[in-house]
Amino acid sequence: MKVNCLSLFFIFLLLLSSSVIRSAEFEHYYREQGLSQASIFDLLHDSQGFIWAATDGGLNRFDGYQFKVYLHNAKISNSLSNDNINTLFEDQHKQLWVGTNNGLNLFDKRSESFTHYKPIANNKNSLSHQNVTTITQDKAGIYWVGTESG
């Protein structure tokens, strides 16, 4: 059987990639390591290097070593609006948006507090429903927020 240089190159790449795949290591994180909940609904790696995890037990921020958990606190008006987090989004201004079962939250990185956006009756410019399921931003800078009602 005659083997040309191109075939040898592809065989070399295949062998190289299989050895790289076999040598990959994964870290596993559980509640014992500080994660607030085992079920994660969305993950975001932000521009500062943090990994954010959306759970039904709050918002988790991982810095590569430990978790910080943000929770709703009824006594603190600028805490997270709800512990049931559905979706995460970092916009073109590097702001973190958090979609919950109780509205949309904008995270202020300096004060580590949240601004809440909730549906307002008879206001077509507010959220159509409190359950926010997706967030994005188009090239023109317009935010698009998906909710249970559109």
N, C-alpha and C. Protein backbone atom coordinates (compact mmCIF):
# COMPACT_ATOMS: atom_id res chain seq x y z
N MET A 1 0.85 -1.18 0.00
CA MET A 1 0.00 0.00 0.00
C MET A 1 0.89 1.24 0.00
N LYS A 2 0.59 2.13 -0.90
CA LYS A 2 1.37 3.36 -1.03
C LYS A 2 0.69 4.46 -0.23
N VAL A 3 1.46 5.16 0.61
CA VAL A 3 0.94 6.25 1.44
C VAL A 3 1.63 7.53 1.02
N ASN A 4 0.83 8.55 0.68
CA ASN A 4 1.44 9.82 0.30
C ASN A 4 1.63 10.72 1.52
N CYS A 5 2.31 11.83 1.33
CA CYS A 5 2.64 12.75 2.42
C CYS A 5 1.39 13.31 3.08
N LEU A 6 0.36 13.62 2.30
CA LEU A 6 -0.87 14.18 2.84
C LEU A 6 -1.53 13.17 3.78
N SER A 7 -1.54 11.91 3.40
CA SER A 7 -2.12 10.87 4.25
C SER A 7 -1.34 10.75 5.55
N LEU A 8 -0.02 10.79 5.47
CA LEU A 8 0.80 10.72 6.68
C LEU A 8 0.52 11.91 7.61
N PHE A 9 0.33 13.07 7.01
CA PHE A 9 0.03 14.27 7.79
C PHE A 9 -1.28 14.09 8.55
N PHE A 10 -2.33 13.59 7.88
CA PHE A 10 -3.62 13.39 8.54
C PHE A 10 -3.54 12.32 9.62
N ILE A 11 -2.77 11.28 9.40
CA ILE A 11 -2.58 10.24 10.42
C ILE A 11 -1.87 10.84 11.63
N PHE A 12 -0.86 11.67 11.39
CA PHE A 12 -0.14 12.34 12.47
C PHE A 12 -1.10 13.23 13.28
N LEU A 13 -1.94 14.01 12.59
CA LEU A 13 -2.91 14.88 13.28
C LEU A 13 -3.89 14.07 14.10
N LEU A 14 -4.33 12.94 13.55
CA LEU A 14 -5.27 12.09 14.27
C LEU A 14 -4.63 11.54 15.55
N LEU A 15 -3.41 11.06 15.45
CA LEU A 15 -2.71 10.54 16.62
C LEU A 15 -2.46 11.64 17.65
N LEU A 16 -2.07 12.82 17.18
CA LEU A 16 -1.82 13.95 18.07
C LEU A 16 -3.10 14.36 18.79
N SER A 17 -4.19 14.49 18.04
CA SER A 17 -5.45 14.92 18.66
C SER A 17 -5.97 13.89 19.64
N SER A 18 -5.81 12.60 19.35
CA SER A 18 -6.30 11.59 20.29
C SER A 18 -5.47 11.59 21.57
N SER A 19 -4.18 11.87 21.49
CA SER A 19 -3.37 11.92 22.71
C SER A 19 -3.71 13.17 23.52
N VAL A 20 -4.04 14.27 22.86
CA VAL A 20 -4.44 15.49 23.56
C VAL A 20 -5.78 15.26 24.26
N ILE A 21 -6.70 14.62 23.58
CA ILE A 21 -8.01 14.36 24.17
C ILE A 21 -7.87 13.45 25.38
N ARG A 22 -7.05 12.44 25.29
CA ARG A 22 -6.87 11.52 26.41
C ARG A 22 -6.23 12.20 27.60
N SER A 23 -5.41 13.20 27.38
CA SER A 23 -4.70 13.83 28.48
C SER A 23 -5.47 15.00 29.10
N ALA A 24 -6.66 15.30 28.59
CA ALA A 24 -7.45 16.39 29.15
C ALA A 24 -7.90 16.03 30.56
N GLU A 25 -7.83 16.99 31.45
CA GLU A 25 -8.26 16.79 32.83
C GLU A 25 -9.41 17.73 33.13
N PHE A 26 -10.35 17.24 33.91
CA PHE A 26 -11.51 18.03 34.28
C PHE A 26 -11.58 18.13 35.80
N GLU A 27 -11.94 19.31 36.27
CA GLU A 27 -12.20 19.51 37.68
C GLU A 27 -13.71 19.41 37.87
N HIS A 28 -14.12 18.79 38.94
CA HIS A 28 -15.54 18.67 39.27
C HIS A 28 -15.82 19.49 40.52
N TYR A 29 -16.90 20.27 40.46
CA TYR A 29 -17.28 21.10 41.60
C TYR A 29 -18.68 20.74 42.02
N TYR A 30 -18.85 20.62 43.31
CA TYR A 30 -20.12 20.24 43.90
C TYR A 30 -20.47 21.24 45.00
N ARG A 31 -21.56 20.96 45.67
CA ARG A 31 -21.97 21.83 46.77
C ARG A 31 -20.90 21.86 47.87
N GLU A 32 -20.20 20.78 48.04
CA GLU A 32 -19.15 20.73 49.07
C GLU A 32 -18.02 21.73 48.78
N GLN A 33 -17.84 22.11 47.52
CA GLN A 33 -16.81 23.08 47.15
C GLN A 33 -17.35 24.51 47.10
N GLY A 34 -18.63 24.70 47.44
CA GLY A 34 -19.19 26.05 47.51
C GLY A 34 -20.25 26.38 46.48
N LEU A 35 -20.48 25.51 45.50
CA LEU A 35 -21.55 25.73 44.53
C LEU A 35 -22.89 25.66 45.25
N SER A 36 -23.77 26.63 45.03
CA SER A 36 -25.01 26.70 45.81
C SER A 36 -26.01 25.62 45.44
N GLN A 37 -25.93 25.10 44.23
CA GLN A 37 -26.90 24.12 43.76
C GLN A 37 -26.24 23.26 42.71
N ALA A 38 -26.58 21.99 42.66
CA ALA A 38 -25.95 21.06 41.71
C ALA A 38 -26.47 21.24 40.28
N SER A 39 -27.69 21.69 40.13
CA SER A 39 -28.26 21.88 38.78
C SER A 39 -27.95 23.29 38.28
N ILE A 40 -27.27 23.36 37.13
CA ILE A 40 -26.91 24.65 36.53
C ILE A 40 -27.68 24.82 35.24
N PHE A 41 -28.34 25.98 35.09
CA PHE A 41 -29.18 26.24 33.93
C PHE A 41 -28.47 27.04 32.84
N ASP A 42 -27.46 27.80 33.23
CA ASP A 42 -26.69 28.59 32.26
C ASP A 42 -25.32 28.87 32.86
N LEU A 43 -24.32 28.97 31.97
CA LEU A 43 -22.96 29.32 32.37
C LEU A 43 -22.48 30.48 31.52
N LEU A 44 -21.68 31.34 32.11
CA LEU A 44 -21.11 32.47 31.38
C LEU A 44 -19.68 32.70 31.84
N HIS A 45 -18.77 32.78 30.90
CA HIS A 45 -17.38 33.17 31.19
C HIS A 45 -17.28 34.63 30.80
N ASP A 46 -17.15 35.53 31.77
CA ASP A 46 -17.21 36.96 31.46
C ASP A 46 -15.85 37.53 31.05
N SER A 47 -15.85 38.80 30.70
CA SER A 47 -14.65 39.48 30.19
C SER A 47 -13.57 39.65 31.26
N GLN A 48 -13.92 39.50 32.53
CA GLN A 48 -12.94 39.62 33.62
C GLN A 48 -12.37 38.26 34.03
N GLY A 49 -12.85 37.19 33.40
CA GLY A 49 -12.35 35.86 33.69
C GLY A 49 -13.17 35.06 34.68
N PHE A 50 -14.23 35.65 35.23
CA PHE A 50 -15.09 34.92 36.15
C PHE A 50 -15.99 33.95 35.38
N ILE A 51 -16.34 32.86 36.03
CA ILE A 51 -17.35 31.95 35.49
C ILE A 51 -18.58 32.11 36.37
N TRP A 52 -19.70 32.43 35.74
CA TRP A 52 -20.97 32.63 36.43
C TRP A 52 -21.86 31.43 36.15
N ALA A 53 -22.54 30.94 37.18
CA ALA A 53 -23.44 29.80 37.05
C ALA A 53 -24.84 30.21 37.52
N ALA A 54 -25.81 29.97 36.65
CA ALA A 54 -27.21 30.24 36.97
C ALA A 54 -27.83 28.97 37.54
N THR A 55 -28.33 29.04 38.77
CA THR A 55 -28.94 27.88 39.40
C THR A 55 -30.30 28.27 39.98
N ASP A 56 -31.03 27.29 40.50
CA ASP A 56 -32.25 27.65 41.22
C ASP A 56 -31.96 27.85 42.71
N GLY A 57 -30.67 27.97 43.01
CA GLY A 57 -30.23 28.29 44.37
C GLY A 57 -29.35 29.52 44.38
N GLY A 58 -29.60 30.45 43.44
CA GLY A 58 -28.87 31.69 43.40
C GLY A 58 -27.88 31.78 42.25
N LEU A 59 -27.18 32.91 42.21
CA LEU A 59 -26.18 33.19 41.20
C LEU A 59 -24.81 32.91 41.80
N ASN A 60 -24.02 32.09 41.11
CA ASN A 60 -22.69 31.68 41.59
C ASN A 60 -21.61 32.31 40.73
N ARG A 61 -20.61 32.91 41.38
CA ARG A 61 -19.45 33.45 40.66
C ARG A 61 -18.22 32.66 41.09
N PHE A 62 -17.49 32.13 40.11
CA PHE A 62 -16.31 31.33 40.39
C PHE A 62 -15.09 32.04 39.83
N ASP A 63 -14.07 32.24 40.68
CA ASP A 63 -12.87 32.96 40.28
C ASP A 63 -11.71 32.02 39.93
N GLY A 64 -11.98 30.73 39.89
CA GLY A 64 -10.95 29.74 39.63
C GLY A 64 -10.49 29.03 40.88
N TYR A 65 -10.87 29.59 42.05
CA TYR A 65 -10.48 29.01 43.33
C TYR A 65 -11.67 28.76 44.24
N GLN A 66 -12.59 29.75 44.26
CA GLN A 66 -13.74 29.62 45.16
C GLN A 66 -14.98 30.26 44.55
N PHE A 67 -16.13 29.89 45.14
CA PHE A 67 -17.41 30.42 44.69
C PHE A 67 -17.87 31.54 45.61
N LYS A 68 -18.52 32.52 45.01
CA LYS A 68 -19.26 33.53 45.77
C LYS A 68 -20.70 33.41 45.29
N VAL A 69 -21.63 33.33 46.21
CA VAL A 69 -23.03 33.12 45.87
C VAL A 69 -23.84 34.37 46.18
N TYR A 70 -24.64 34.81 45.20
CA TYR A 70 -25.54 35.95 45.36
C TYR A 70 -26.95 35.40 45.47
N LEU A 71 -27.67 35.83 46.52
CA LEU A 71 -29.01 35.35 46.79
C LEU A 71 -29.99 36.51 46.97
N HIS A 72 -31.25 36.19 46.80
CA HIS A 72 -32.31 37.16 47.11
C HIS A 72 -32.41 37.32 48.62
N ASN A 73 -32.55 38.56 49.06
CA ASN A 73 -32.77 38.85 50.47
C ASN A 73 -33.86 39.91 50.52
N ALA A 74 -35.03 39.53 51.03
CA ALA A 74 -36.20 40.42 51.06
C ALA A 74 -35.93 41.71 51.85
N LYS A 75 -34.95 41.68 52.76
CA LYS A 75 -34.64 42.86 53.58
C LYS A 75 -33.69 43.82 52.89
N ILE A 76 -33.11 43.39 51.75
CA ILE A 76 -32.15 44.24 51.02
C ILE A 76 -32.72 44.49 49.62
N SER A 77 -33.10 45.73 49.35
CA SER A 77 -33.82 46.06 48.11
C SER A 77 -32.99 45.84 46.85
N ASN A 78 -31.67 45.96 46.95
CA ASN A 78 -30.85 45.81 45.74
C ASN A 78 -30.12 44.46 45.69
N SER A 79 -30.70 43.46 46.41
CA SER A 79 -30.18 42.10 46.26
C SER A 79 -30.82 41.50 45.01
N LEU A 80 -30.41 40.33 44.66
CA LEU A 80 -30.97 39.61 43.52
C LEU A 80 -32.49 39.49 43.69
N SER A 81 -33.25 39.67 42.61
CA SER A 81 -34.72 39.68 42.74
C SER A 81 -35.30 38.29 42.99
N ASN A 82 -34.55 37.23 42.71
CA ASN A 82 -35.05 35.87 42.89
C ASN A 82 -33.87 34.90 42.83
N ASP A 83 -33.95 33.81 43.55
CA ASP A 83 -32.88 32.81 43.54
C ASP A 83 -32.97 31.84 42.37
N ASN A 84 -34.05 31.85 41.64
CA ASN A 84 -34.21 30.97 40.48
C ASN A 84 -33.70 31.68 39.23
N ILE A 85 -32.45 31.37 38.87
CA ILE A 85 -31.79 32.05 37.75
C ILE A 85 -31.94 31.19 36.49
N ASN A 86 -32.42 31.79 35.41
CA ASN A 86 -32.62 31.08 34.15
C ASN A 86 -31.51 31.31 33.13
N THR A 87 -31.04 32.56 33.05
CA THR A 87 -30.14 32.92 31.96
C THR A 87 -29.20 34.04 32.37
N LEU A 88 -28.04 34.08 31.70
CA LEU A 88 -27.01 35.09 31.97
C LEU A 88 -26.55 35.69 30.65
N PHE A 89 -26.16 36.96 30.68
CA PHE A 89 -25.69 37.62 29.47
C PHE A 89 -24.75 38.76 29.84
N GLU A 90 -23.62 38.85 29.15
CA GLU A 90 -22.74 40.00 29.29
C GLU A 90 -22.86 40.83 28.02
N ASP A 91 -23.21 42.10 28.17
CA ASP A 91 -23.44 42.95 27.00
C ASP A 91 -22.14 43.57 26.47
N GLN A 92 -22.27 44.39 25.44
CA GLN A 92 -21.10 44.99 24.80
C GLN A 92 -20.38 45.99 25.70
N HIS A 93 -21.02 46.40 26.79
CA HIS A 93 -20.40 47.29 27.77
C HIS A 93 -19.83 46.51 28.96
N LYS A 94 -19.81 45.20 28.83
CA LYS A 94 -19.30 44.27 29.86
C LYS A 94 -20.13 44.30 31.14
N GLN A 95 -21.43 44.57 30.98
CA GLN A 95 -22.37 44.53 32.09
C GLN A 95 -23.01 43.14 32.14
N LEU A 96 -23.23 42.63 33.34
CA LEU A 96 -23.83 41.32 33.53
C LEU A 96 -25.33 41.47 33.76
N TRP A 97 -26.11 40.78 32.93
CA TRP A 97 -27.56 40.74 33.04
C TRP A 97 -27.96 39.35 33.51
N VAL A 98 -28.93 39.30 34.42
CA VAL A 98 -29.35 38.04 35.03
C VAL A 98 -30.87 37.91 34.88
N GLY A 99 -31.30 36.88 34.16
CA GLY A 99 -32.72 36.63 33.99
C GLY A 99 -33.21 35.63 35.04
N THR A 100 -34.22 36.02 35.79
CA THR A 100 -34.74 35.18 36.86
C THR A 100 -36.22 34.85 36.63
N ASN A 101 -36.80 34.10 37.56
CA ASN A 101 -38.24 33.84 37.54
C ASN A 101 -39.02 35.04 38.06
N ASN A 102 -38.30 36.08 38.48
CA ASN A 102 -38.94 37.29 39.01
C ASN A 102 -38.29 38.54 38.42
N GLY A 103 -38.16 38.55 37.09
CA GLY A 103 -37.66 39.74 36.42
C GLY A 103 -36.21 39.66 35.99
N LEU A 104 -35.77 40.77 35.43
CA LEU A 104 -34.43 40.93 34.90
C LEU A 104 -33.60 41.74 35.90
N ASN A 105 -32.34 41.36 36.07
CA ASN A 105 -31.45 42.05 37.01
C ASN A 105 -30.19 42.49 36.28
N LEU A 106 -29.74 43.70 36.57
CA LEU A 106 -28.46 44.21 36.08
C LEU A 106 -27.53 44.27 37.28
N PHE A 107 -26.39 43.59 37.16
CA PHE A 107 -25.43 43.51 38.26
C PHE A 107 -24.45 44.67 38.20
N ASP A 108 -24.30 45.37 39.30
CA ASP A 108 -23.31 46.44 39.42
C ASP A 108 -22.07 45.83 40.05
N LYS A 109 -20.98 45.72 39.27
CA LYS A 109 -19.77 45.04 39.74
C LYS A 109 -19.08 45.79 40.87
N ARG A 110 -19.19 47.11 40.89
CA ARG A 110 -18.53 47.89 41.96
C ARG A 110 -19.19 47.69 43.31
N SER A 111 -20.51 47.82 43.34
CA SER A 111 -21.23 47.71 44.62
C SER A 111 -21.73 46.30 44.89
N GLU A 112 -21.59 45.43 43.90
CA GLU A 112 -22.10 44.05 43.98
C GLU A 112 -23.58 44.05 44.36
N SER A 113 -24.33 44.92 43.68
CA SER A 113 -25.76 45.03 43.91
C SER A 113 -26.49 44.89 42.57
N PHE A 114 -27.81 44.81 42.63
CA PHE A 114 -28.61 44.55 41.45
C PHE A 114 -29.68 45.62 41.26
N THR A 115 -29.89 46.01 40.00
CA THR A 115 -31.02 46.85 39.62
C THR A 115 -32.04 45.90 39.00
N HIS A 116 -33.31 46.06 39.41
CA HIS A 116 -34.38 45.15 38.96
C HIS A 116 -35.22 45.78 37.86
N TYR A 117 -35.60 44.96 36.92
CA TYR A 117 -36.52 45.34 35.85
C TYR A 117 -37.63 44.30 35.85
N LYS A 118 -38.86 44.77 36.10
CA LYS A 118 -40.00 43.86 36.19
C LYS A 118 -41.11 44.34 35.28
N PRO A 119 -42.07 43.47 34.99
CA PRO A 119 -43.20 43.88 34.15
C PRO A 119 -44.01 44.99 34.83
N ILE A 120 -44.44 45.93 34.01
CA ILE A 120 -45.30 47.02 34.49
C ILE A 120 -46.60 46.92 33.71
N ALA A 121 -47.70 46.80 34.42
CA ALA A 121 -49.01 46.66 33.78
C ALA A 121 -49.29 47.83 32.83
N ASN A 122 -49.82 47.53 31.67
CA ASN A 122 -50.20 48.51 30.64
C ASN A 122 -49.01 49.32 30.11
N ASN A 123 -47.80 48.81 30.23
CA ASN A 123 -46.62 49.48 29.68
C ASN A 123 -45.98 48.55 28.66
N LYS A 124 -46.16 48.87 27.37
CA LYS A 124 -45.66 47.99 26.31
C LYS A 124 -44.13 47.97 26.23
N ASN A 125 -43.46 48.92 26.89
CA ASN A 125 -42.00 48.97 26.88
C ASN A 125 -41.35 48.22 28.04
N SER A 126 -42.17 47.64 28.91
CA SER A 126 -41.61 46.87 30.01
C SER A 126 -41.60 45.39 29.64
N LEU A 127 -41.11 44.56 30.52
CA LEU A 127 -41.09 43.12 30.27
C LEU A 127 -42.51 42.60 30.09
N SER A 128 -42.65 41.61 29.22
CA SER A 128 -43.98 41.04 28.97
C SER A 128 -44.36 40.02 30.04
N HIS A 129 -43.39 39.53 30.79
CA HIS A 129 -43.64 38.55 31.86
C HIS A 129 -42.46 38.58 32.81
N GLN A 130 -42.67 38.18 34.03
CA GLN A 130 -41.59 38.20 35.03
C GLN A 130 -40.59 37.07 34.86
N ASN A 131 -40.95 35.99 34.16
CA ASN A 131 -40.04 34.85 33.98
C ASN A 131 -39.17 35.10 32.75
N VAL A 132 -37.94 35.55 32.96
CA VAL A 132 -37.00 35.88 31.88
C VAL A 132 -36.21 34.63 31.51
N THR A 133 -36.28 34.25 30.23
CA THR A 133 -35.66 33.00 29.79
C THR A 133 -34.42 33.19 28.91
N THR A 134 -34.28 34.34 28.28
CA THR A 134 -33.10 34.60 27.45
C THR A 134 -32.87 36.09 27.30
N ILE A 135 -31.60 36.47 27.09
CA ILE A 135 -31.22 37.87 26.94
C ILE A 135 -30.15 37.94 25.86
N THR A 136 -30.24 38.94 24.97
CA THR A 136 -29.19 39.17 24.00
C THR A 136 -29.20 40.65 23.62
N GLN A 137 -28.24 41.03 22.80
CA GLN A 137 -28.12 42.41 22.35
C GLN A 137 -27.71 42.37 20.89
N ASP A 138 -28.37 43.18 20.06
CA ASP A 138 -28.02 43.17 18.65
C ASP A 138 -26.89 44.17 18.37
N LYS A 139 -26.46 44.23 17.10
CA LYS A 139 -25.33 45.10 16.73
C LYS A 139 -25.60 46.58 16.94
N ALA A 140 -26.88 46.94 16.93
CA ALA A 140 -27.25 48.34 17.15
C ALA A 140 -27.30 48.69 18.64
N GLY A 141 -27.07 47.70 19.50
CA GLY A 141 -27.08 47.95 20.94
C GLY A 141 -28.43 47.76 21.60
N ILE A 142 -29.41 47.27 20.83
CA ILE A 142 -30.75 47.07 21.38
C ILE A 142 -30.79 45.73 22.10
N TYR A 143 -31.35 45.75 23.30
CA TYR A 143 -31.49 44.53 24.10
C TYR A 143 -32.75 43.78 23.69
N TRP A 144 -32.65 42.47 23.63
CA TRP A 144 -33.78 41.59 23.35
C TRP A 144 -33.89 40.63 24.53
N VAL A 145 -35.05 40.65 25.16
CA VAL A 145 -35.29 39.84 26.35
C VAL A 145 -36.45 38.90 26.07
N GLY A 146 -36.19 37.61 26.16
CA GLY A 146 -37.25 36.62 25.98
C GLY A 146 -37.83 36.26 27.33
N THR A 147 -39.16 36.21 27.38
CA THR A 147 -39.85 35.83 28.61
C THR A 147 -40.83 34.71 28.31
N GLU A 148 -41.49 34.27 29.35
CA GLU A 148 -42.49 33.21 29.21
C GLU A 148 -43.62 33.63 28.27
N SER A 149 -43.82 34.94 28.10
CA SER A 149 -44.89 35.45 27.24
C SER A 149 -44.38 36.13 25.98
N GLY A 150 -43.17 35.87 25.60
CA GLY A 150 -42.65 36.46 24.36
C GLY A 150 -41.50 37.38 24.57
